Amino acid sequence: MLEMRTVTADEFAKWLSAESRAHGNRLADDPEALRPHFDLDRTVVILEKSNIVGGSHSRRVEMSLPGATTIISGVCNVSVQPTHTRRGVMTQMMQHQLNDFHQRDEALAALFSTESIIYGRFGYGIGSLYERWTIERPYTAYTHPKKSPGKVFFVDPEDTPKELPEVFRRSTKNRPGVFQRELHHWERDSQAQEHSQGGPGGLFYVAYEENDRVDGYATYRSTGTTLVVNELMAATQEATAALWRFCFDVDRMSTTEALKRPVDDPLPWMLADPRRLRRSTRDGVWVRVVDARAALALRRYLREDRLVLEVKDDNCPWNQDRFELEGSPDGASCRVSNKSPDLVLNVTHLASVFMGAVSFSTLAGANLIEECTPNALLRADCMFASQFQPWSPHSF
């Protein structure tokens, strides 16, 4: 018999240990130091007798949408012990969470998935994509090389929480799918033990400054003769060009890799020989539309229009309805409707088009959206388009 409830303060360290065991990760050095950042009322633990066999947590985090930002339920620490997989533990937890989010009036949820096959059955859809890059040093020349007027300098790790958070915010302005990193995350990273250990593979921080203002930064480490860019954020074209040039030109490095870049990043278009940039794409954040009516009214729309969407949702019966959406660049409203639908789609695919990760027409071509009104796909594509593609450079 399985019991499901919230985690008590006395169980917190044991709960984290069970999660680490489920994922094969090392346990945090000091689990109790993490407890102030967890709302235990938003935790889930599954017990068999007194043994923890599953668990999950959610936190309220800020996420950017096309034209807006909102607070969503960030799902994390999801785990099922290897001894209890394929027994419905995950299904029980995820359904409980969806009901809980609905009761809290939280219209959207998001998570990062270890496997892309897991969360679609709970109504989560791909909300952002990112690319991984590799390029050899001889092929990093720019089409239009231009000397940046500013300077690149190293940043001491302990100073990163002072100016870099604002650079991150400026660099990701108007970009859907971004989670603003809380200050305690910056502070924790700045105090990581690796900064005082030395040796190969250590993390380094560089920043670009112009006119006494920091406009960009990069974090990187070296592995053999490969320089790995963990993160590069730039608020200006000059910062973008200067920071990539620095990463490409570090002595003794023959190859540069970048771990998470937006699919519409300008760098491939800056390169004189872009074919040499090896690119692979994968899913980033997964988004769940918990309350379709409320969620559709949260974002902004590129073109003013009105659509009736019929949503299919096996997990959340309150979403199984038709919704009349009126949206524009200035705002939106949405209500339940008995009108004939323009488009019919599953809530999983609604999440993806909602974030701008894919177009309605592309999903219709994959036989995932039904067009009931002529030209409704094109109208929806124009309405839901955004200036920048969604990108989630780090988790919450």
Protein backbone atom coordinates (compact mmCIF):
# COMPACT_ATOMS: atom_id res chain seq x y z
CA MET A 1 0.00 0.00 0.00
CA LEU A 2 1.44 3.36 -1.09
CA GLU A 3 0.96 6.56 0.91
CA MET A 4 1.23 10.02 -0.67
CA ARG A 5 1.66 13.23 1.35
CA THR A 6 3.94 16.23 1.81
CA VAL A 7 7.47 15.92 3.18
CA THR A 8 8.10 16.78 6.83
CA ALA A 9 11.12 18.81 7.91
CA ASP A 10 12.64 15.73 9.58
CA GLU A 11 12.36 13.77 6.32
CA PHE A 12 13.92 16.40 4.06
CA ALA A 13 17.49 15.05 3.94
CA LYS A 14 16.21 11.49 3.48
CA TRP A 15 13.90 12.68 0.68
CA LEU A 16 16.80 14.36 -1.15
CA SER A 17 18.91 11.25 -0.67
CA ALA A 18 16.19 9.12 -2.27
CA GLU A 19 16.06 11.49 -5.24
CA SER A 20 19.83 11.30 -5.68
CA ARG A 21 19.68 7.52 -5.57
CA ALA A 22 16.90 7.41 -8.17
CA HIS A 23 18.94 9.49 -10.63
CA GLY A 24 22.34 8.06 -9.76
CA ASN A 25 23.61 11.48 -8.63
CA ARG A 26 25.80 12.52 -5.74
CA LEU A 27 23.97 13.85 -2.72
CA ALA A 28 24.42 17.53 -1.90
CA ASP A 29 27.22 18.17 0.61
CA ASP A 30 24.82 19.81 3.05
CA PRO A 31 21.18 18.92 2.32
CA GLU A 32 19.90 20.95 5.25
CA ALA A 33 21.37 24.11 3.74
CA LEU A 34 18.96 23.68 0.83
CA ARG A 35 15.83 23.35 2.99
CA PRO A 36 15.12 27.11 3.30
CA HIS A 37 14.72 27.21 -0.49
CA PHE A 38 12.07 24.46 -0.51
CA ASP A 39 8.41 25.05 0.30
CA LEU A 40 7.58 21.77 2.02
CA ASP A 41 3.88 22.42 1.41
CA ARG A 42 4.63 21.96 -2.31
CA THR A 43 6.53 18.69 -1.92
CA VAL A 44 5.24 15.19 -2.62
CA VAL A 45 6.56 11.99 -1.11
CA ILE A 46 5.37 8.47 -1.93
CA LEU A 47 6.01 5.92 0.82
CA GLU A 48 5.71 2.17 1.01
CA LYS A 49 5.48 1.61 4.75
CA SER A 50 8.30 3.91 5.93
CA ASN A 51 10.41 3.69 2.76
CA ILE A 52 10.47 6.61 0.30
CA VAL A 53 9.84 5.22 -3.18
CA GLY A 54 9.05 8.45 -5.04
CA GLY A 55 8.93 12.18 -4.69
CA SER A 56 8.54 15.53 -6.38
CA HIS A 57 8.52 19.23 -5.65
CA SER A 58 7.32 22.44 -7.24
CA ARG A 59 8.24 26.06 -6.72
CA ARG A 60 6.82 29.36 -7.90
CA VAL A 61 9.21 30.80 -10.49
CA GLU A 62 9.13 33.65 -12.99
CA MET A 63 9.01 32.58 -16.64
CA SER A 64 8.92 34.80 -19.69
CA LEU A 65 6.16 34.34 -22.28
CA PRO A 66 5.80 36.00 -25.68
CA GLY A 67 5.30 39.64 -24.74
CA ALA A 68 4.89 39.06 -21.00
CA THR A 69 6.21 37.36 -17.87
CA THR A 70 4.28 35.34 -15.32
CA ILE A 71 4.71 33.17 -12.25
CA ILE A 72 4.42 29.46 -13.00
CA SER A 73 4.78 26.18 -11.12
CA GLY A 74 8.32 24.92 -11.65
CA VAL A 75 8.35 21.13 -11.23
CA CYS A 76 11.61 19.58 -10.04
CA ASN A 77 13.10 16.77 -7.94
CA VAL A 78 10.84 14.23 -9.67
CA SER A 79 12.03 10.73 -8.88
CA VAL A 80 10.91 7.12 -8.62
CA GLN A 81 13.17 4.55 -7.00
CA PRO A 82 14.49 1.90 -9.42
CA THR A 83 12.77 -0.74 -7.27
CA HIS A 84 9.33 0.81 -7.94
CA THR A 85 9.28 1.82 -11.59
CA ARG A 86 6.38 0.73 -13.87
CA ARG A 87 4.01 0.61 -10.90
CA GLY A 88 2.09 3.86 -11.38
CA VAL A 89 4.07 5.90 -8.85
CA MET A 90 4.90 8.61 -11.39
CA THR A 91 1.32 8.79 -12.66
CA GLN A 92 -0.04 9.17 -9.14
CA MET A 93 2.38 12.00 -8.34
CA MET A 94 1.92 13.91 -11.58
CA GLN A 95 -1.86 13.80 -11.44
CA HIS A 96 -1.78 14.96 -7.83
CA GLN A 97 0.43 17.90 -8.82
CA LEU A 98 -1.84 18.96 -11.68
CA ASN A 99 -4.85 18.99 -9.36
CA ASP A 100 -2.84 20.93 -6.80
CA PHE A 101 -1.74 23.56 -9.35
CA HIS A 102 -5.34 23.98 -10.48
CA GLN A 103 -6.51 24.50 -6.91
CA ARG A 104 -3.77 27.11 -6.45
CA ASP A 105 -4.93 28.96 -9.63
CA GLU A 106 -1.53 28.41 -11.28
CA ALA A 107 -2.25 28.34 -15.00
CA LEU A 108 1.11 27.02 -16.23
CA ALA A 109 3.71 24.50 -15.06
CA ALA A 110 7.13 23.66 -16.44
CA LEU A 111 9.89 21.10 -15.97
CA PHE A 112 13.12 19.81 -17.50
CA SER A 113 12.93 16.20 -18.57
CA THR A 114 15.72 13.64 -18.41
CA GLU A 115 13.95 11.70 -21.19
CA SER A 116 11.73 13.15 -23.90
CA ILE A 117 9.29 10.24 -23.79
CA ILE A 118 8.16 10.69 -20.17
CA TYR A 119 5.99 13.76 -19.74
CA GLY A 120 3.90 13.99 -22.90
CA ARG A 121 1.41 11.55 -21.40
CA PHE A 122 0.80 14.06 -18.59
CA GLY A 123 0.07 16.89 -21.03
CA TYR A 124 3.51 18.54 -21.06
CA GLY A 125 4.75 19.78 -24.43
CA ILE A 126 8.11 21.04 -25.66
CA GLY A 127 8.26 24.72 -24.73
CA SER A 128 11.75 25.58 -25.98
CA LEU A 129 14.61 24.14 -27.99
CA TYR A 130 18.34 24.70 -27.91
CA GLU A 131 21.39 23.83 -29.97
CA ARG A 132 24.79 22.36 -29.11
CA TRP A 133 27.70 23.54 -31.23
CA THR A 134 31.19 22.38 -32.11
CA ILE A 135 33.63 24.24 -34.36
CA GLU A 136 37.36 23.94 -35.07
CA ARG A 137 39.49 27.01 -34.58
CA PRO A 138 40.57 27.51 -38.24
CA TYR A 139 36.92 28.04 -39.25
CA THR A 140 35.89 30.71 -36.73
CA ALA A 141 36.51 33.79 -38.88
CA TYR A 142 33.70 36.36 -39.10
CA THR A 143 32.18 37.44 -42.41
CA HIS A 144 32.49 41.09 -41.35
CA PRO A 145 35.22 41.31 -38.71
CA LYS A 146 34.98 44.45 -36.63
CA LYS A 147 37.03 45.51 -33.64
CA SER A 148 34.84 45.96 -30.59
CA PRO A 149 35.46 49.27 -28.78
CA GLY A 150 35.19 47.72 -25.31
CA LYS A 151 37.38 45.27 -23.40
CA VAL A 152 37.13 41.67 -22.21
CA PHE A 153 38.34 40.96 -18.67
CA PHE A 154 38.25 38.12 -16.16
CA VAL A 155 35.72 38.26 -13.33
CA ASP A 156 36.50 36.83 -9.92
CA PRO A 157 33.89 34.14 -9.11
CA GLU A 158 32.92 35.86 -5.87
CA ASP A 159 32.03 39.03 -7.85
CA THR A 160 29.67 37.34 -10.31
CA PRO A 161 26.48 38.01 -8.30
CA LYS A 162 27.13 41.78 -8.39
CA GLU A 163 26.73 42.67 -12.07
CA LEU A 164 26.08 39.50 -14.04
CA PRO A 165 22.41 38.99 -13.01
CA GLU A 166 21.46 42.31 -14.59
CA VAL A 167 23.38 41.43 -17.75
CA PHE A 168 21.50 38.15 -17.90
CA ARG A 169 18.18 39.98 -17.59
CA ARG A 170 19.07 42.49 -20.30
CA SER A 171 20.39 39.76 -22.60
CA THR A 172 17.20 37.72 -22.38
CA LYS A 173 14.70 40.60 -22.62
CA ASN A 174 11.70 39.66 -24.79
CA ARG A 175 12.92 36.05 -25.02
CA PRO A 176 10.18 33.49 -24.15
CA GLY A 177 11.07 30.47 -22.02
CA VAL A 178 13.64 32.19 -19.80
CA PHE A 179 13.77 31.72 -16.03
CA GLN A 180 15.46 34.53 -14.13
CA ARG A 181 18.00 32.93 -11.82
CA GLU A 182 17.39 33.76 -8.18
CA LEU A 183 20.18 35.60 -6.37
CA HIS A 184 20.89 32.68 -4.04
CA HIS A 185 21.71 30.56 -7.12
CA TRP A 186 24.27 33.13 -8.26
CA GLU A 187 25.73 33.26 -4.76
CA ARG A 188 25.89 29.47 -4.46
CA ASP A 189 27.65 29.17 -7.84
CA SER A 190 30.11 31.92 -6.90
CA GLN A 191 31.16 29.98 -3.79
CA ALA A 192 31.51 26.57 -5.46
CA GLN A 193 34.46 24.59 -4.15
CA GLU A 194 35.91 24.10 -7.63
CA HIS A 195 36.92 27.79 -7.78
CA SER A 196 39.56 27.22 -5.09
CA GLN A 197 40.74 23.80 -6.23
CA GLY A 198 42.64 24.78 -9.37
CA GLY A 199 43.69 22.23 -11.96
CA PRO A 200 42.22 21.46 -15.40
CA GLY A 201 38.51 21.75 -16.07
CA GLY A 202 37.90 24.69 -13.73
CA LEU A 203 35.21 27.24 -14.55
CA PHE A 204 36.23 30.73 -15.64
CA TYR A 205 34.23 33.94 -16.04
CA VAL A 206 34.94 36.74 -18.51
CA ALA A 207 32.92 39.89 -19.14
CA TYR A 208 32.74 42.56 -21.83
CA GLU A 209 32.72 46.20 -20.71
CA GLU A 210 32.10 49.28 -22.81
CA ASN A 211 31.65 52.87 -21.59
CA ASP A 212 31.95 51.66 -17.97
CA ARG A 213 29.03 49.26 -18.38
CA VAL A 214 29.16 45.44 -18.48
CA ASP A 215 27.23 44.38 -21.58
CA GLY A 216 27.99 40.66 -21.66
CA TYR A 217 29.74 37.73 -20.04
CA ALA A 218 30.79 34.16 -20.76
CA THR A 219 31.54 31.19 -18.53
CA TYR A 220 33.79 28.46 -19.86
CA ARG A 221 36.06 25.58 -18.94
CA SER A 222 38.75 23.75 -20.89
CA THR A 223 38.94 20.01 -21.45
CA GLY A 224 42.18 19.04 -23.13
CA THR A 225 42.34 21.30 -26.20
CA THR A 226 38.61 21.99 -26.23
CA LEU A 227 37.12 25.15 -24.76
CA VAL A 228 33.55 24.51 -23.58
CA VAL A 229 31.27 27.55 -23.33
CA ASN A 230 28.74 26.89 -20.58
CA GLU A 231 26.99 30.21 -20.97
CA LEU A 232 27.41 33.35 -23.06
CA MET A 233 25.07 36.29 -22.55
CA ALA A 234 25.36 39.54 -24.45
CA ALA A 235 23.09 42.58 -24.50
CA THR A 236 24.76 44.24 -27.53
CA GLN A 237 26.17 43.21 -30.91
CA GLU A 238 29.61 44.40 -29.82
CA ALA A 239 29.55 42.22 -26.72
CA THR A 240 28.39 39.22 -28.76
CA ALA A 241 31.22 39.55 -31.28
CA ALA A 242 33.91 40.25 -28.69
CA LEU A 243 33.03 37.40 -26.34
CA TRP A 244 32.81 34.77 -29.08
CA ARG A 245 36.08 36.06 -30.54
CA PHE A 246 37.71 35.64 -27.12
CA CYS A 247 36.40 32.07 -26.74
CA PHE A 248 37.57 31.11 -30.24
CA ASP A 249 41.07 32.56 -29.80
CA VAL A 250 42.21 31.26 -26.39
CA ASP A 251 45.73 29.84 -26.82
CA ARG A 252 46.26 26.06 -26.97
CA MET A 253 42.57 25.48 -27.72
CA SER A 254 41.83 23.81 -31.05
CA THR A 255 38.05 23.38 -30.73
CA THR A 256 35.21 25.36 -29.20
CA GLU A 257 31.99 23.79 -27.96
CA ALA A 258 28.85 25.60 -26.79
CA LEU A 259 26.35 23.70 -24.68
CA LYS A 260 23.06 25.62 -24.91
CA ARG A 261 22.39 28.17 -27.61
CA PRO A 262 19.06 29.50 -28.93
CA VAL A 263 17.98 28.15 -32.30
CA ASP A 264 17.90 31.72 -33.67
CA ASP A 265 21.31 32.71 -32.29
CA PRO A 266 23.08 35.24 -34.57
CA LEU A 267 26.52 33.57 -34.41
CA PRO A 268 25.99 31.10 -37.29
CA TRP A 269 25.17 34.08 -39.50
CA MET A 270 28.30 35.90 -38.34
CA LEU A 271 30.65 33.12 -39.46
CA ALA A 272 32.36 33.30 -42.85
CA ASP A 273 32.13 29.50 -43.17
CA PRO A 274 28.92 28.58 -41.28
CA ARG A 275 28.85 25.00 -42.59
CA ARG A 276 31.82 24.23 -40.34
CA LEU A 277 29.68 24.86 -37.27
CA ARG A 278 28.31 21.46 -36.28
CA ARG A 279 24.87 21.89 -34.75
CA SER A 280 22.51 19.52 -32.95
CA THR A 281 19.10 20.41 -31.54
CA ARG A 282 17.23 19.04 -28.54
CA ASP A 283 14.33 19.90 -26.27
CA GLY A 284 14.72 22.41 -23.44
CA VAL A 285 11.89 23.22 -21.05
CA TRP A 286 8.60 21.31 -21.14
CA VAL A 287 5.46 23.33 -20.42
CA ARG A 288 2.06 22.22 -19.13
CA VAL A 289 -1.03 24.34 -19.76
CA VAL A 290 -2.85 23.68 -16.48
CA ASP A 291 -5.70 26.13 -17.14
CA ALA A 292 -6.13 26.83 -20.86
CA ARG A 293 -8.55 29.73 -20.47
CA ALA A 294 -6.34 31.57 -17.99
CA ALA A 295 -3.04 30.74 -19.74
CA LEU A 296 -4.14 31.95 -23.18
CA ALA A 297 -5.00 35.33 -21.68
CA LEU A 298 -1.53 35.73 -20.10
CA ARG A 299 0.63 36.19 -23.19
CA ARG A 300 0.61 38.81 -25.95
CA TYR A 301 -0.05 38.13 -29.63
CA LEU A 302 1.81 39.52 -32.63
CA ARG A 303 -1.32 40.09 -34.70
CA GLU A 304 -4.81 41.00 -33.53
CA ASP A 305 -7.26 38.20 -34.26
CA ARG A 306 -9.91 35.91 -32.81
CA LEU A 307 -9.80 32.11 -32.80
CA VAL A 308 -11.88 29.32 -31.30
CA LEU A 309 -9.65 26.48 -30.08
CA GLU A 310 -11.02 23.09 -29.09
CA VAL A 311 -8.66 21.54 -26.56
CA LYS A 312 -8.35 17.85 -25.74
CA ASP A 313 -7.00 17.01 -22.27
CA ASP A 314 -7.22 13.54 -20.71
CA ASN A 315 -5.70 14.61 -17.38
CA CYS A 316 -7.46 17.90 -16.64
CA PRO A 317 -11.21 17.73 -17.39
CA TRP A 318 -11.59 21.47 -16.84
CA ASN A 319 -9.52 22.00 -20.02
CA GLN A 320 -11.65 19.68 -22.16
CA ASP A 321 -13.57 22.47 -23.86
CA ARG A 322 -13.71 25.12 -26.58
CA PHE A 323 -12.09 28.48 -25.90
CA GLU A 324 -12.66 31.70 -27.78
CA LEU A 325 -9.43 33.68 -27.77
CA GLU A 326 -9.19 37.37 -28.62
CA GLY A 327 -5.59 38.48 -28.68
CA SER A 328 -3.45 41.44 -29.77
CA PRO A 329 -0.06 43.02 -29.01
CA ASP A 330 -1.75 44.91 -26.16
CA GLY A 331 -3.39 42.00 -24.35
CA ALA A 332 -5.80 39.10 -24.60
CA SER A 333 -9.00 37.64 -23.26
CA CYS A 334 -10.26 34.09 -23.38
CA ARG A 335 -13.59 32.48 -22.51
CA VAL A 336 -15.35 29.16 -22.83
CA SER A 337 -17.42 29.07 -26.01
CA ASN A 338 -19.99 26.90 -27.76
CA LYS A 339 -18.99 28.20 -31.21
CA SER A 340 -17.65 25.89 -33.90
CA PRO A 341 -13.87 25.46 -33.54
CA ASP A 342 -11.33 26.90 -35.93
CA LEU A 343 -8.68 24.44 -34.73
CA VAL A 344 -8.70 21.24 -32.66
CA LEU A 345 -5.58 20.21 -30.75
CA ASN A 346 -4.30 18.32 -27.75
CA VAL A 347 -3.16 20.25 -24.67
CA THR A 348 0.38 18.90 -25.19
CA HIS A 349 0.64 20.63 -28.56
CA LEU A 350 -1.15 23.71 -27.26
CA ALA A 351 1.79 24.19 -24.88
CA SER A 352 4.30 24.15 -27.74
CA VAL A 353 2.47 26.66 -29.94
CA PHE A 354 1.64 28.77 -26.89
CA MET A 355 5.36 29.25 -26.18
CA GLY A 356 6.22 29.75 -29.85
CA ALA A 357 8.42 26.65 -30.07
CA VAL A 358 6.64 25.46 -33.21
CA SER A 359 3.96 26.73 -35.57
CA PHE A 360 0.41 25.48 -35.87
CA SER A 361 1.08 24.66 -39.54
CA THR A 362 4.06 22.46 -38.68
CA LEU A 363 2.03 20.46 -36.16
CA ALA A 364 -0.84 20.18 -38.63
CA GLY A 365 1.64 18.77 -41.14
CA ALA A 366 2.50 16.16 -38.51
CA ASN A 367 -1.24 15.34 -38.24
CA LEU A 368 -1.39 16.75 -34.71
CA ILE A 369 -3.75 19.69 -35.27
CA GLU A 370 -7.03 19.67 -37.17
CA GLU A 371 -7.96 22.76 -39.19
CA CYS A 372 -11.75 23.22 -39.21
CA THR A 373 -11.93 26.71 -40.76
CA PRO A 374 -10.10 27.64 -43.99
CA ASN A 375 -6.90 29.64 -43.38
CA ALA A 376 -7.17 29.14 -39.60
CA LEU A 377 -3.66 27.66 -39.47
CA LEU A 378 -2.09 30.67 -41.16
CA ARG A 379 -4.05 33.06 -38.97
CA ALA A 380 -2.94 31.19 -35.86
CA ASP A 381 0.69 31.14 -37.03
CA CYS A 382 0.65 34.93 -37.48
CA MET A 383 -1.17 35.52 -34.22
CA PHE A 384 1.08 33.31 -32.04
CA ALA A 385 4.40 34.32 -33.65
CA SER A 386 7.03 36.09 -31.54
CA GLN A 387 10.15 38.12 -32.30
CA PHE A 388 12.51 35.61 -30.69
CA GLN A 389 12.35 31.84 -30.44
CA PRO A 390 11.86 30.47 -26.91
CA TRP A 391 15.05 29.52 -25.11
CA SER A 392 15.75 28.22 -21.62
CA PRO A 393 19.50 28.64 -21.01
CA HIS A 394 19.28 27.15 -17.51
CA SER A 395 16.79 25.49 -15.25
CA PHE A 396 15.17 26.76 -12.08
